Amino acid sequence: MRLDRIIAIVVASLALAACGSTEIARFAGEAAAPSERIGIRYASVSVREISLPTYASAEFLVTEAADGSLVEDPDTLWADDPVRDVTLGFARALTTITQARVAPDPWPYRSVPEATVDIRVDKFVARSDGTFVATGQYFIAPEDEDQPERAIGFSISTPYLAAVGMQAIAGARSRTVTALAEHVARYGLR
């Protein structure tokens, strides 16, 4: 086979491959500013890696259809690992809300944290009706054994404009994480 013919075949193959490829968009929600400051009883709080459902910890954006089915969009990805992003966003929001020293595990400071927060999420999804829903339970474990341990359920619903698309969902996810931090500060750490 002649060299010019091989080059033509390779160029044609590359052109066809380029026509068939789709752009994959990555989305990151901007950090949502907490609406208030809440005083808590602890000066330092450790946050364990937040446990998300399998579909919510995947890199693809997943939405809930009107019939309750979960739909994965292979053309849209989260900009960061969802578990890491949600855990860091929660720790950042809790720091701003409480003014306490808050950090995700592993604890980066020499001192021992006064309390540990462990969050286990059972639903974390954007619904087709324009709400981002998070439900689950969190656990507060104080270092001081005289302080009570707590287990508290939560259900948070954050609106978003479905017509705006995936960027609106990313923003709603960030606002939901901030609302969860406010809930933990108000009901779990006071």
N, C-alpha and C. Protein backbone atom coordinates (compact mmCIF):
# COMPACT_ATOMS: atom_id res chain seq x y z
N MET A 1 0.85 -1.17 0.00
CA MET A 1 0.00 0.00 0.00
C MET A 1 0.89 1.23 0.00
N ARG A 2 0.50 2.21 -0.78
CA ARG A 2 1.32 3.42 -0.91
C ARG A 2 1.16 4.32 0.32
N LEU A 3 2.21 5.06 0.61
CA LEU A 3 2.24 5.93 1.78
C LEU A 3 1.14 6.99 1.73
N ASP A 4 0.89 7.59 0.57
CA ASP A 4 -0.15 8.62 0.49
C ASP A 4 -1.54 8.05 0.75
N ARG A 5 -1.74 6.80 0.38
CA ARG A 5 -3.02 6.14 0.64
C ARG A 5 -3.18 5.85 2.14
N ILE A 6 -2.12 5.42 2.81
CA ILE A 6 -2.15 5.17 4.24
C ILE A 6 -2.44 6.46 5.00
N ILE A 7 -1.79 7.53 4.59
CA ILE A 7 -2.02 8.83 5.23
C ILE A 7 -3.47 9.27 5.03
N ALA A 8 -4.03 9.06 3.87
CA ALA A 8 -5.42 9.44 3.60
C ALA A 8 -6.38 8.65 4.48
N ILE A 9 -6.10 7.36 4.67
CA ILE A 9 -6.96 6.52 5.52
C ILE A 9 -6.89 6.98 6.97
N VAL A 10 -5.67 7.26 7.45
CA VAL A 10 -5.50 7.72 8.82
C VAL A 10 -6.21 9.06 9.03
N VAL A 11 -6.08 9.99 8.11
CA VAL A 11 -6.72 11.30 8.23
C VAL A 11 -8.24 11.13 8.23
N ALA A 12 -8.76 10.29 7.35
CA ALA A 12 -10.21 10.06 7.29
C ALA A 12 -10.70 9.43 8.59
N SER A 13 -9.95 8.50 9.15
CA SER A 13 -10.34 7.86 10.41
C SER A 13 -10.38 8.86 11.56
N LEU A 14 -9.37 9.72 11.61
CA LEU A 14 -9.34 10.75 12.66
C LEU A 14 -10.49 11.72 12.52
N ALA A 15 -10.82 12.08 11.28
CA ALA A 15 -11.93 13.01 11.04
C ALA A 15 -13.25 12.39 11.48
N LEU A 16 -13.46 11.12 11.18
CA LEU A 16 -14.68 10.43 11.61
C LEU A 16 -14.76 10.32 13.13
N ALA A 17 -13.63 10.03 13.74
CA ALA A 17 -13.61 9.92 15.21
C ALA A 17 -13.95 11.26 15.84
N ALA A 18 -13.45 12.36 15.28
CA ALA A 18 -13.71 13.69 15.82
C ALA A 18 -15.18 14.05 15.68
N CYS A 19 -15.81 13.63 14.57
CA CYS A 19 -17.22 13.93 14.36
C CYS A 19 -18.10 13.18 15.36
N GLY A 20 -17.70 11.99 15.75
CA GLY A 20 -18.49 11.18 16.65
C GLY A 20 -18.29 11.51 18.11
N SER A 21 -17.26 12.26 18.45
CA SER A 21 -17.00 12.54 19.86
C SER A 21 -17.93 13.63 20.38
N THR A 22 -18.23 13.58 21.66
CA THR A 22 -19.06 14.60 22.27
C THR A 22 -18.25 15.30 23.36
N GLU A 23 -18.60 16.52 23.59
CA GLU A 23 -17.96 17.29 24.65
C GLU A 23 -18.51 16.83 25.99
N ILE A 24 -17.64 16.63 26.94
CA ILE A 24 -18.07 16.30 28.29
C ILE A 24 -17.86 17.53 29.15
N ALA A 25 -18.93 17.97 29.78
CA ALA A 25 -18.87 19.17 30.62
C ALA A 25 -18.65 18.77 32.08
N ARG A 26 -17.85 19.54 32.78
CA ARG A 26 -17.63 19.32 34.21
C ARG A 26 -18.25 20.48 34.98
N PHE A 27 -18.91 20.14 36.09
CA PHE A 27 -19.61 21.16 36.86
C PHE A 27 -19.14 21.18 38.31
N ALA A 28 -18.96 22.39 38.81
CA ALA A 28 -18.61 22.60 40.22
C ALA A 28 -19.50 23.70 40.74
N GLY A 29 -20.15 23.43 41.84
CA GLY A 29 -20.96 24.47 42.46
C GLY A 29 -20.07 25.43 43.23
N GLU A 30 -20.43 26.69 43.21
CA GLU A 30 -19.67 27.65 43.99
C GLU A 30 -20.05 27.51 45.45
N ALA A 31 -19.11 27.76 46.33
CA ALA A 31 -19.38 27.65 47.77
C ALA A 31 -20.52 28.59 48.13
N ALA A 32 -21.51 28.04 48.80
CA ALA A 32 -22.67 28.84 49.21
C ALA A 32 -22.40 29.48 50.57
N ALA A 33 -22.62 30.77 50.66
CA ALA A 33 -22.38 31.48 51.91
C ALA A 33 -23.46 31.15 52.93
N PRO A 34 -23.06 30.77 54.15
CA PRO A 34 -24.05 30.50 55.20
C PRO A 34 -24.85 31.76 55.52
N SER A 35 -26.10 31.57 55.92
CA SER A 35 -26.97 32.71 56.18
C SER A 35 -26.83 33.26 57.59
N GLU A 36 -26.19 32.51 58.49
CA GLU A 36 -26.09 32.99 59.87
C GLU A 36 -24.88 32.37 60.57
N ARG A 37 -24.57 32.92 61.73
CA ARG A 37 -23.53 32.38 62.60
C ARG A 37 -24.24 31.66 63.75
N ILE A 38 -23.72 30.50 64.11
CA ILE A 38 -24.31 29.71 65.18
C ILE A 38 -23.20 29.31 66.15
N GLY A 39 -23.37 29.71 67.42
CA GLY A 39 -22.40 29.32 68.43
C GLY A 39 -22.60 27.86 68.83
N ILE A 40 -21.48 27.15 69.01
CA ILE A 40 -21.55 25.74 69.42
C ILE A 40 -20.72 25.54 70.68
N ARG A 41 -20.86 24.39 71.30
CA ARG A 41 -20.16 24.12 72.57
C ARG A 41 -18.73 23.63 72.37
N TYR A 42 -18.31 23.35 71.15
CA TYR A 42 -16.99 22.78 70.88
C TYR A 42 -16.10 23.78 70.15
N ALA A 43 -14.84 23.82 70.54
CA ALA A 43 -13.89 24.72 69.87
C ALA A 43 -13.26 24.07 68.63
N SER A 44 -13.30 22.74 68.59
CA SER A 44 -12.71 22.03 67.45
C SER A 44 -13.58 20.82 67.10
N VAL A 45 -13.78 20.61 65.80
CA VAL A 45 -14.66 19.55 65.32
C VAL A 45 -14.01 18.85 64.13
N SER A 46 -13.94 17.54 64.23
CA SER A 46 -13.44 16.71 63.14
C SER A 46 -14.64 16.20 62.33
N VAL A 47 -14.51 16.19 61.01
CA VAL A 47 -15.57 15.71 60.13
C VAL A 47 -15.07 14.46 59.41
N ARG A 48 -15.76 13.35 59.64
CA ARG A 48 -15.41 12.14 58.91
C ARG A 48 -15.84 12.28 57.46
N GLU A 49 -15.22 11.52 56.58
CA GLU A 49 -15.63 11.54 55.18
C GLU A 49 -17.12 11.24 55.09
N ILE A 50 -17.86 12.11 54.41
CA ILE A 50 -19.31 11.98 54.34
C ILE A 50 -19.68 10.79 53.45
N SER A 51 -20.53 9.94 53.98
CA SER A 51 -20.98 8.74 53.26
C SER A 51 -22.15 9.12 52.36
N LEU A 52 -21.95 9.00 51.04
CA LEU A 52 -23.00 9.29 50.07
C LEU A 52 -23.50 7.99 49.44
N PRO A 53 -24.74 7.99 48.93
CA PRO A 53 -25.20 6.82 48.18
C PRO A 53 -24.31 6.60 46.95
N THR A 54 -24.28 5.38 46.45
CA THR A 54 -23.43 5.04 45.31
C THR A 54 -23.65 5.98 44.14
N TYR A 55 -24.90 6.25 43.79
CA TYR A 55 -25.18 7.11 42.63
C TYR A 55 -24.69 8.54 42.85
N ALA A 56 -24.69 9.00 44.09
CA ALA A 56 -24.26 10.37 44.38
C ALA A 56 -22.75 10.49 44.50
N SER A 57 -22.07 9.37 44.67
CA SER A 57 -20.61 9.41 44.77
C SER A 57 -19.94 9.13 43.42
N ALA A 58 -20.75 8.87 42.40
CA ALA A 58 -20.21 8.64 41.06
C ALA A 58 -19.81 9.98 40.42
N GLU A 59 -18.94 9.92 39.43
CA GLU A 59 -18.49 11.17 38.81
C GLU A 59 -19.53 11.77 37.87
N PHE A 60 -20.47 10.96 37.38
CA PHE A 60 -21.52 11.47 36.50
C PHE A 60 -22.62 12.13 37.31
N LEU A 61 -23.22 13.20 36.78
CA LEU A 61 -24.37 13.80 37.43
C LEU A 61 -25.57 12.89 37.26
N VAL A 62 -26.30 12.69 38.33
CA VAL A 62 -27.49 11.83 38.33
C VAL A 62 -28.66 12.68 38.79
N THR A 63 -29.78 12.56 38.09
CA THR A 63 -31.00 13.26 38.48
C THR A 63 -32.11 12.23 38.67
N GLU A 64 -33.14 12.64 39.41
CA GLU A 64 -34.28 11.77 39.63
C GLU A 64 -35.42 12.21 38.74
N ALA A 65 -35.91 11.30 37.89
CA ALA A 65 -37.02 11.58 36.99
C ALA A 65 -38.33 11.62 37.77
N ALA A 66 -39.38 12.07 37.13
CA ALA A 66 -40.69 12.18 37.77
C ALA A 66 -41.20 10.83 38.29
N ASP A 67 -40.81 9.74 37.62
CA ASP A 67 -41.25 8.41 38.05
C ASP A 67 -40.39 7.82 39.17
N GLY A 68 -39.40 8.58 39.63
CA GLY A 68 -38.53 8.13 40.72
C GLY A 68 -37.27 7.42 40.26
N SER A 69 -37.13 7.18 38.96
CA SER A 69 -35.93 6.52 38.47
C SER A 69 -34.76 7.49 38.47
N LEU A 70 -33.57 6.96 38.67
CA LEU A 70 -32.36 7.77 38.67
C LEU A 70 -31.73 7.70 37.30
N VAL A 71 -31.43 8.88 36.73
CA VAL A 71 -30.93 8.98 35.37
C VAL A 71 -29.53 9.57 35.40
N GLU A 72 -28.57 8.82 34.84
CA GLU A 72 -27.18 9.26 34.78
C GLU A 72 -26.95 9.95 33.44
N ASP A 73 -26.30 11.11 33.47
CA ASP A 73 -25.97 11.83 32.23
C ASP A 73 -24.49 11.63 31.95
N PRO A 74 -24.14 10.80 30.94
CA PRO A 74 -22.74 10.51 30.68
C PRO A 74 -21.96 11.68 30.09
N ASP A 75 -22.65 12.75 29.70
CA ASP A 75 -21.96 13.91 29.13
C ASP A 75 -21.67 14.99 30.16
N THR A 76 -22.06 14.77 31.42
CA THR A 76 -21.78 15.76 32.46
C THR A 76 -21.13 15.08 33.66
N LEU A 77 -20.06 15.67 34.11
CA LEU A 77 -19.30 15.13 35.24
C LEU A 77 -19.16 16.20 36.31
N TRP A 78 -18.97 15.75 37.54
CA TRP A 78 -18.60 16.68 38.60
C TRP A 78 -17.14 17.06 38.40
N ALA A 79 -16.78 18.25 38.78
CA ALA A 79 -15.42 18.74 38.60
C ALA A 79 -14.44 18.07 39.56
N ASP A 80 -14.93 17.57 40.68
CA ASP A 80 -14.09 16.93 41.69
C ASP A 80 -14.79 15.65 42.13
N ASP A 81 -14.07 14.79 42.80
CA ASP A 81 -14.67 13.59 43.37
C ASP A 81 -15.81 14.04 44.30
N PRO A 82 -17.05 13.57 44.08
CA PRO A 82 -18.18 14.07 44.86
C PRO A 82 -18.04 13.91 46.37
N VAL A 83 -17.53 12.78 46.84
CA VAL A 83 -17.38 12.58 48.29
C VAL A 83 -16.39 13.60 48.86
N ARG A 84 -15.27 13.77 48.19
CA ARG A 84 -14.26 14.74 48.64
C ARG A 84 -14.83 16.16 48.62
N ASP A 85 -15.50 16.51 47.52
CA ASP A 85 -16.05 17.85 47.36
C ASP A 85 -17.10 18.16 48.43
N VAL A 86 -18.01 17.22 48.67
CA VAL A 86 -19.06 17.43 49.66
C VAL A 86 -18.46 17.51 51.07
N THR A 87 -17.51 16.64 51.37
CA THR A 87 -16.88 16.65 52.70
C THR A 87 -16.14 17.97 52.94
N LEU A 88 -15.34 18.40 51.98
CA LEU A 88 -14.60 19.66 52.13
C LEU A 88 -15.55 20.86 52.20
N GLY A 89 -16.59 20.85 51.36
CA GLY A 89 -17.57 21.94 51.38
C GLY A 89 -18.30 22.03 52.71
N PHE A 90 -18.64 20.87 53.27
CA PHE A 90 -19.30 20.83 54.58
C PHE A 90 -18.37 21.40 55.66
N ALA A 91 -17.12 20.95 55.68
CA ALA A 91 -16.16 21.43 56.69
C ALA A 91 -15.95 22.94 56.57
N ARG A 92 -15.85 23.44 55.34
CA ARG A 92 -15.68 24.88 55.12
C ARG A 92 -16.89 25.65 55.64
N ALA A 93 -18.09 25.17 55.29
CA ALA A 93 -19.31 25.85 55.73
C ALA A 93 -19.44 25.82 57.25
N LEU A 94 -19.14 24.67 57.87
CA LEU A 94 -19.24 24.56 59.33
C LEU A 94 -18.25 25.49 60.02
N THR A 95 -17.08 25.66 59.45
CA THR A 95 -16.09 26.61 59.99
C THR A 95 -16.65 28.03 59.97
N THR A 96 -17.21 28.44 58.83
CA THR A 96 -17.76 29.79 58.68
C THR A 96 -18.93 30.01 59.62
N ILE A 97 -19.80 29.03 59.73
CA ILE A 97 -21.01 29.15 60.56
C ILE A 97 -20.66 29.25 62.04
N THR A 98 -19.72 28.42 62.49
CA THR A 98 -19.46 28.29 63.93
C THR A 98 -18.24 29.05 64.42
N GLN A 99 -17.34 29.41 63.53
CA GLN A 99 -16.05 30.02 63.89
C GLN A 99 -15.17 29.06 64.69
N ALA A 100 -15.53 27.78 64.71
CA ALA A 100 -14.72 26.77 65.40
C ALA A 100 -13.62 26.27 64.45
N ARG A 101 -12.67 25.55 64.99
CA ARG A 101 -11.64 24.91 64.17
C ARG A 101 -12.25 23.60 63.66
N VAL A 102 -12.51 23.53 62.36
CA VAL A 102 -13.16 22.37 61.75
C VAL A 102 -12.27 21.86 60.63
N ALA A 103 -12.09 20.55 60.58
CA ALA A 103 -11.30 19.95 59.51
C ALA A 103 -11.77 18.53 59.25
N PRO A 104 -11.67 18.10 57.99
CA PRO A 104 -12.02 16.70 57.70
C PRO A 104 -10.92 15.76 58.18
N ASP A 105 -11.32 14.50 58.42
CA ASP A 105 -10.32 13.46 58.75
C ASP A 105 -9.42 13.22 57.56
N PRO A 106 -8.18 12.87 57.78
CA PRO A 106 -7.54 12.74 59.09
C PRO A 106 -7.29 14.13 59.70
N TRP A 107 -7.47 14.21 61.02
CA TRP A 107 -7.33 15.46 61.76
C TRP A 107 -5.91 16.00 61.57
N PRO A 108 -5.76 17.23 61.04
CA PRO A 108 -4.42 17.73 60.70
C PRO A 108 -3.67 18.45 61.81
N TYR A 109 -4.32 18.64 62.96
CA TYR A 109 -3.69 19.41 64.04
C TYR A 109 -3.10 18.51 65.12
N ARG A 110 -2.20 19.08 65.94
CA ARG A 110 -1.58 18.30 67.02
C ARG A 110 -2.58 17.96 68.11
N SER A 111 -3.48 18.90 68.41
CA SER A 111 -4.46 18.67 69.48
C SER A 111 -5.54 17.70 68.99
N VAL A 112 -6.25 17.13 69.93
CA VAL A 112 -7.36 16.22 69.61
C VAL A 112 -8.63 17.05 69.46
N PRO A 113 -9.47 16.76 68.46
CA PRO A 113 -10.72 17.53 68.32
C PRO A 113 -11.67 17.25 69.49
N GLU A 114 -12.44 18.25 69.86
CA GLU A 114 -13.37 18.10 70.97
C GLU A 114 -14.59 17.26 70.60
N ALA A 115 -14.90 17.17 69.31
CA ALA A 115 -16.03 16.36 68.86
C ALA A 115 -15.79 15.90 67.43
N THR A 116 -16.44 14.80 67.09
CA THR A 116 -16.36 14.27 65.73
C THR A 116 -17.77 14.17 65.17
N VAL A 117 -17.93 14.59 63.91
CA VAL A 117 -19.20 14.49 63.20
C VAL A 117 -19.07 13.42 62.13
N ASP A 118 -20.02 12.50 62.11
CA ASP A 118 -20.07 11.42 61.12
C ASP A 118 -21.43 11.52 60.42
N ILE A 119 -21.43 11.81 59.11
CA ILE A 119 -22.68 12.02 58.37
C ILE A 119 -22.87 10.88 57.38
N ARG A 120 -24.07 10.29 57.42
CA ARG A 120 -24.42 9.20 56.50
C ARG A 120 -25.68 9.59 55.75
N VAL A 121 -25.51 9.80 54.46
CA VAL A 121 -26.59 10.30 53.61
C VAL A 121 -27.23 9.13 52.88
N ASP A 122 -28.58 9.07 52.91
CA ASP A 122 -29.25 7.99 52.18
C ASP A 122 -29.92 8.47 50.91
N LYS A 123 -30.14 9.78 50.77
CA LYS A 123 -30.69 10.34 49.53
C LYS A 123 -30.00 11.68 49.29
N PHE A 124 -29.49 11.86 48.06
CA PHE A 124 -28.75 13.08 47.73
C PHE A 124 -28.86 13.26 46.22
N VAL A 125 -29.96 13.93 45.79
CA VAL A 125 -30.24 13.95 44.36
C VAL A 125 -31.07 15.18 43.97
N ALA A 126 -30.89 15.60 42.72
CA ALA A 126 -31.71 16.65 42.13
C ALA A 126 -32.94 16.01 41.51
N ARG A 127 -34.10 16.44 41.95
CA ARG A 127 -35.36 15.91 41.41
C ARG A 127 -35.80 16.74 40.20
N SER A 128 -36.59 16.13 39.35
CA SER A 128 -37.08 16.82 38.15
C SER A 128 -38.04 17.97 38.49
N ASP A 129 -38.55 18.02 39.73
CA ASP A 129 -39.48 19.08 40.13
C ASP A 129 -38.76 20.37 40.55
N GLY A 130 -37.43 20.40 40.44
CA GLY A 130 -36.68 21.60 40.78
C GLY A 130 -36.27 21.69 42.23
N THR A 131 -36.11 20.54 42.90
CA THR A 131 -35.60 20.53 44.27
C THR A 131 -34.44 19.56 44.37
N PHE A 132 -33.43 19.95 45.12
CA PHE A 132 -32.32 19.07 45.44
C PHE A 132 -32.60 18.56 46.85
N VAL A 133 -32.62 17.24 47.02
CA VAL A 133 -33.03 16.64 48.28
C VAL A 133 -31.87 15.89 48.92
N ALA A 134 -31.71 16.08 50.22
CA ALA A 134 -30.72 15.33 51.00
C ALA A 134 -31.40 14.84 52.27
N THR A 135 -31.31 13.54 52.51
CA THR A 135 -31.82 12.98 53.75
C THR A 135 -30.79 12.02 54.32
N GLY A 136 -30.86 11.81 55.61
CA GLY A 136 -29.93 10.88 56.24
C GLY A 136 -29.88 11.10 57.73
N GLN A 137 -28.72 10.78 58.29
CA GLN A 137 -28.53 10.88 59.74
C GLN A 137 -27.08 11.27 60.01
N TYR A 138 -26.88 12.01 61.08
CA TYR A 138 -25.51 12.31 61.50
C TYR A 138 -25.34 11.99 62.98
N PHE A 139 -24.09 11.76 63.33
CA PHE A 139 -23.74 11.33 64.67
C PHE A 139 -22.69 12.27 65.23
N ILE A 140 -22.87 12.68 66.48
CA ILE A 140 -21.93 13.56 67.16
C ILE A 140 -21.28 12.75 68.28
N ALA A 141 -19.96 12.65 68.24
CA ALA A 141 -19.21 11.91 69.26
C ALA A 141 -18.23 12.86 69.94
N PRO A 142 -18.59 13.39 71.13
CA PRO A 142 -17.67 14.27 71.86
C PRO A 142 -16.47 13.48 72.40
N GLU A 143 -15.33 14.13 72.49
CA GLU A 143 -14.14 13.51 73.08
C GLU A 143 -14.35 13.33 74.59
N ASP A 144 -15.02 14.30 75.22
CA ASP A 144 -15.31 14.24 76.65
C ASP A 144 -16.44 13.23 76.88
N GLU A 145 -16.17 12.18 77.61
CA GLU A 145 -17.16 11.12 77.81
C GLU A 145 -18.35 11.58 78.64
N ASP A 146 -18.24 12.72 79.32
CA ASP A 146 -19.36 13.26 80.09
C ASP A 146 -20.37 13.98 79.19
N GLN A 147 -19.97 14.32 77.98
CA GLN A 147 -20.87 14.97 77.03
C GLN A 147 -21.72 13.91 76.33
N PRO A 148 -22.98 14.19 76.03
CA PRO A 148 -23.84 13.17 75.40
C PRO A 148 -23.50 12.95 73.93
N GLU A 149 -23.55 11.70 73.51
CA GLU A 149 -23.44 11.38 72.10
C GLU A 149 -24.82 11.59 71.49
N ARG A 150 -24.86 11.93 70.22
CA ARG A 150 -26.14 12.21 69.59
C ARG A 150 -26.23 11.55 68.22
N ALA A 151 -27.45 11.17 67.86
CA ALA A 151 -27.79 10.69 66.52
C ALA A 151 -29.02 11.47 66.08
N ILE A 152 -28.90 12.22 64.98
CA ILE A 152 -29.97 13.12 64.56
C ILE A 152 -30.23 12.92 63.07
N GLY A 153 -31.50 12.78 62.72
CA GLY A 153 -31.89 12.67 61.32
C GLY A 153 -32.04 14.04 60.69
N PHE A 154 -31.94 14.09 59.37
CA PHE A 154 -32.14 15.35 58.65
C PHE A 154 -32.84 15.09 57.33
N SER A 155 -33.57 16.11 56.88
CA SER A 155 -34.22 16.11 55.57
C SER A 155 -34.17 17.55 55.07
N ILE A 156 -33.42 17.76 54.01
CA ILE A 156 -33.20 19.12 53.49
C ILE A 156 -33.64 19.14 52.03
N SER A 157 -34.35 20.18 51.66
CA SER A 157 -34.81 20.36 50.29
C SER A 157 -34.43 21.76 49.84
N THR A 158 -33.68 21.86 48.75
CA THR A 158 -33.21 23.14 48.24
C THR A 158 -33.74 23.35 46.83
N PRO A 159 -34.42 24.46 46.56
CA PRO A 159 -34.95 24.68 45.21
C PRO A 159 -33.85 25.09 44.22
N TYR A 160 -34.11 24.78 42.95
CA TYR A 160 -33.25 25.25 41.86
C TYR A 160 -34.11 25.43 40.62
N LEU A 161 -33.63 26.22 39.67
CA LEU A 161 -34.36 26.45 38.43
C LEU A 161 -33.98 25.35 37.44
N ALA A 162 -34.86 24.39 37.25
CA ALA A 162 -34.57 23.25 36.38
C ALA A 162 -34.25 23.69 34.96
N ALA A 163 -34.86 24.79 34.50
CA ALA A 163 -34.63 25.26 33.12
C ALA A 163 -33.19 25.71 32.90
N VAL A 164 -32.49 26.08 33.97
CA VAL A 164 -31.10 26.53 33.84
C VAL A 164 -30.17 25.35 33.56
N GLY A 165 -30.53 24.17 34.01
CA GLY A 165 -29.75 22.97 33.71
C GLY A 165 -28.79 22.58 34.81
N MET A 166 -27.70 21.96 34.37
CA MET A 166 -26.77 21.33 35.31
C MET A 166 -26.06 22.32 36.23
N GLN A 167 -25.79 23.53 35.77
CA GLN A 167 -25.13 24.50 36.64
C GLN A 167 -26.04 24.85 37.82
N ALA A 168 -27.36 24.88 37.57
CA ALA A 168 -28.31 25.14 38.66
C ALA A 168 -28.30 23.99 39.66
N ILE A 169 -28.17 22.77 39.17
CA ILE A 169 -28.10 21.60 40.05
C ILE A 169 -26.83 21.67 40.90
N ALA A 170 -25.71 22.03 40.29
CA ALA A 170 -24.45 22.15 41.03
C ALA A 170 -24.57 23.21 42.13
N GLY A 171 -25.21 24.33 41.83
CA GLY A 171 -25.42 25.36 42.83
C GLY A 171 -26.33 24.89 43.96
N ALA A 172 -27.39 24.16 43.59
CA ALA A 172 -28.31 23.63 44.61
C ALA A 172 -27.61 22.62 45.51
N ARG A 173 -26.72 21.82 44.92
CA ARG A 173 -25.97 20.86 45.74
C ARG A 173 -25.11 21.60 46.76
N SER A 174 -24.45 22.67 46.35
CA SER A 174 -23.62 23.46 47.28
C SER A 174 -24.47 24.09 48.37
N ARG A 175 -25.62 24.63 48.02
CA ARG A 175 -26.50 25.24 49.02
C ARG A 175 -27.04 24.18 49.98
N THR A 176 -27.27 22.97 49.49
CA THR A 176 -27.74 21.88 50.34
C THR A 176 -26.67 21.50 51.36
N VAL A 177 -25.42 21.45 50.93
CA VAL A 177 -24.32 21.13 51.85
C VAL A 177 -24.21 22.20 52.93
N THR A 178 -24.36 23.47 52.55
CA THR A 178 -24.32 24.55 53.53
C THR A 178 -25.51 24.45 54.49
N ALA A 179 -26.69 24.13 53.98
CA ALA A 179 -27.86 23.96 54.85
C ALA A 179 -27.66 22.80 55.82
N LEU A 180 -27.00 21.75 55.36
CA LEU A 180 -26.70 20.62 56.25
C LEU A 180 -25.74 21.06 57.36
N ALA A 181 -24.74 21.87 57.02
CA ALA A 181 -23.81 22.37 58.04
C ALA A 181 -24.55 23.23 59.07
N GLU A 182 -25.49 24.05 58.61
CA GLU A 182 -26.29 24.84 59.55
C GLU A 182 -27.12 23.94 60.46
N HIS A 183 -27.69 22.89 59.90
CA HIS A 183 -28.50 21.93 60.68
C HIS A 183 -27.64 21.26 61.75
N VAL A 184 -26.46 20.80 61.37
CA VAL A 184 -25.56 20.12 62.31
C VAL A 184 -25.14 21.09 63.42
N ALA A 185 -24.81 22.32 63.05
CA ALA A 185 -24.40 23.30 64.06
C ALA A 185 -25.55 23.60 65.03
N ARG A 186 -26.74 23.79 64.51
CA ARG A 186 -27.89 24.17 65.34
C ARG A 186 -28.40 23.04 66.22
N TYR A 187 -28.50 21.83 65.68
CA TYR A 187 -29.14 20.74 66.41
C TYR A 187 -28.19 19.69 66.96
N GLY A 188 -26.97 19.62 66.43
CA GLY A 188 -26.06 18.58 66.88
C GLY A 188 -24.90 19.05 67.74
N LEU A 189 -24.46 20.30 67.55
CA LEU A 189 -23.24 20.75 68.21
C LEU A 189 -23.46 21.82 69.28
N ARG A 190 -24.67 22.20 69.54
CA ARG A 190 -24.94 23.23 70.56
C ARG A 190 -24.97 22.65 71.95
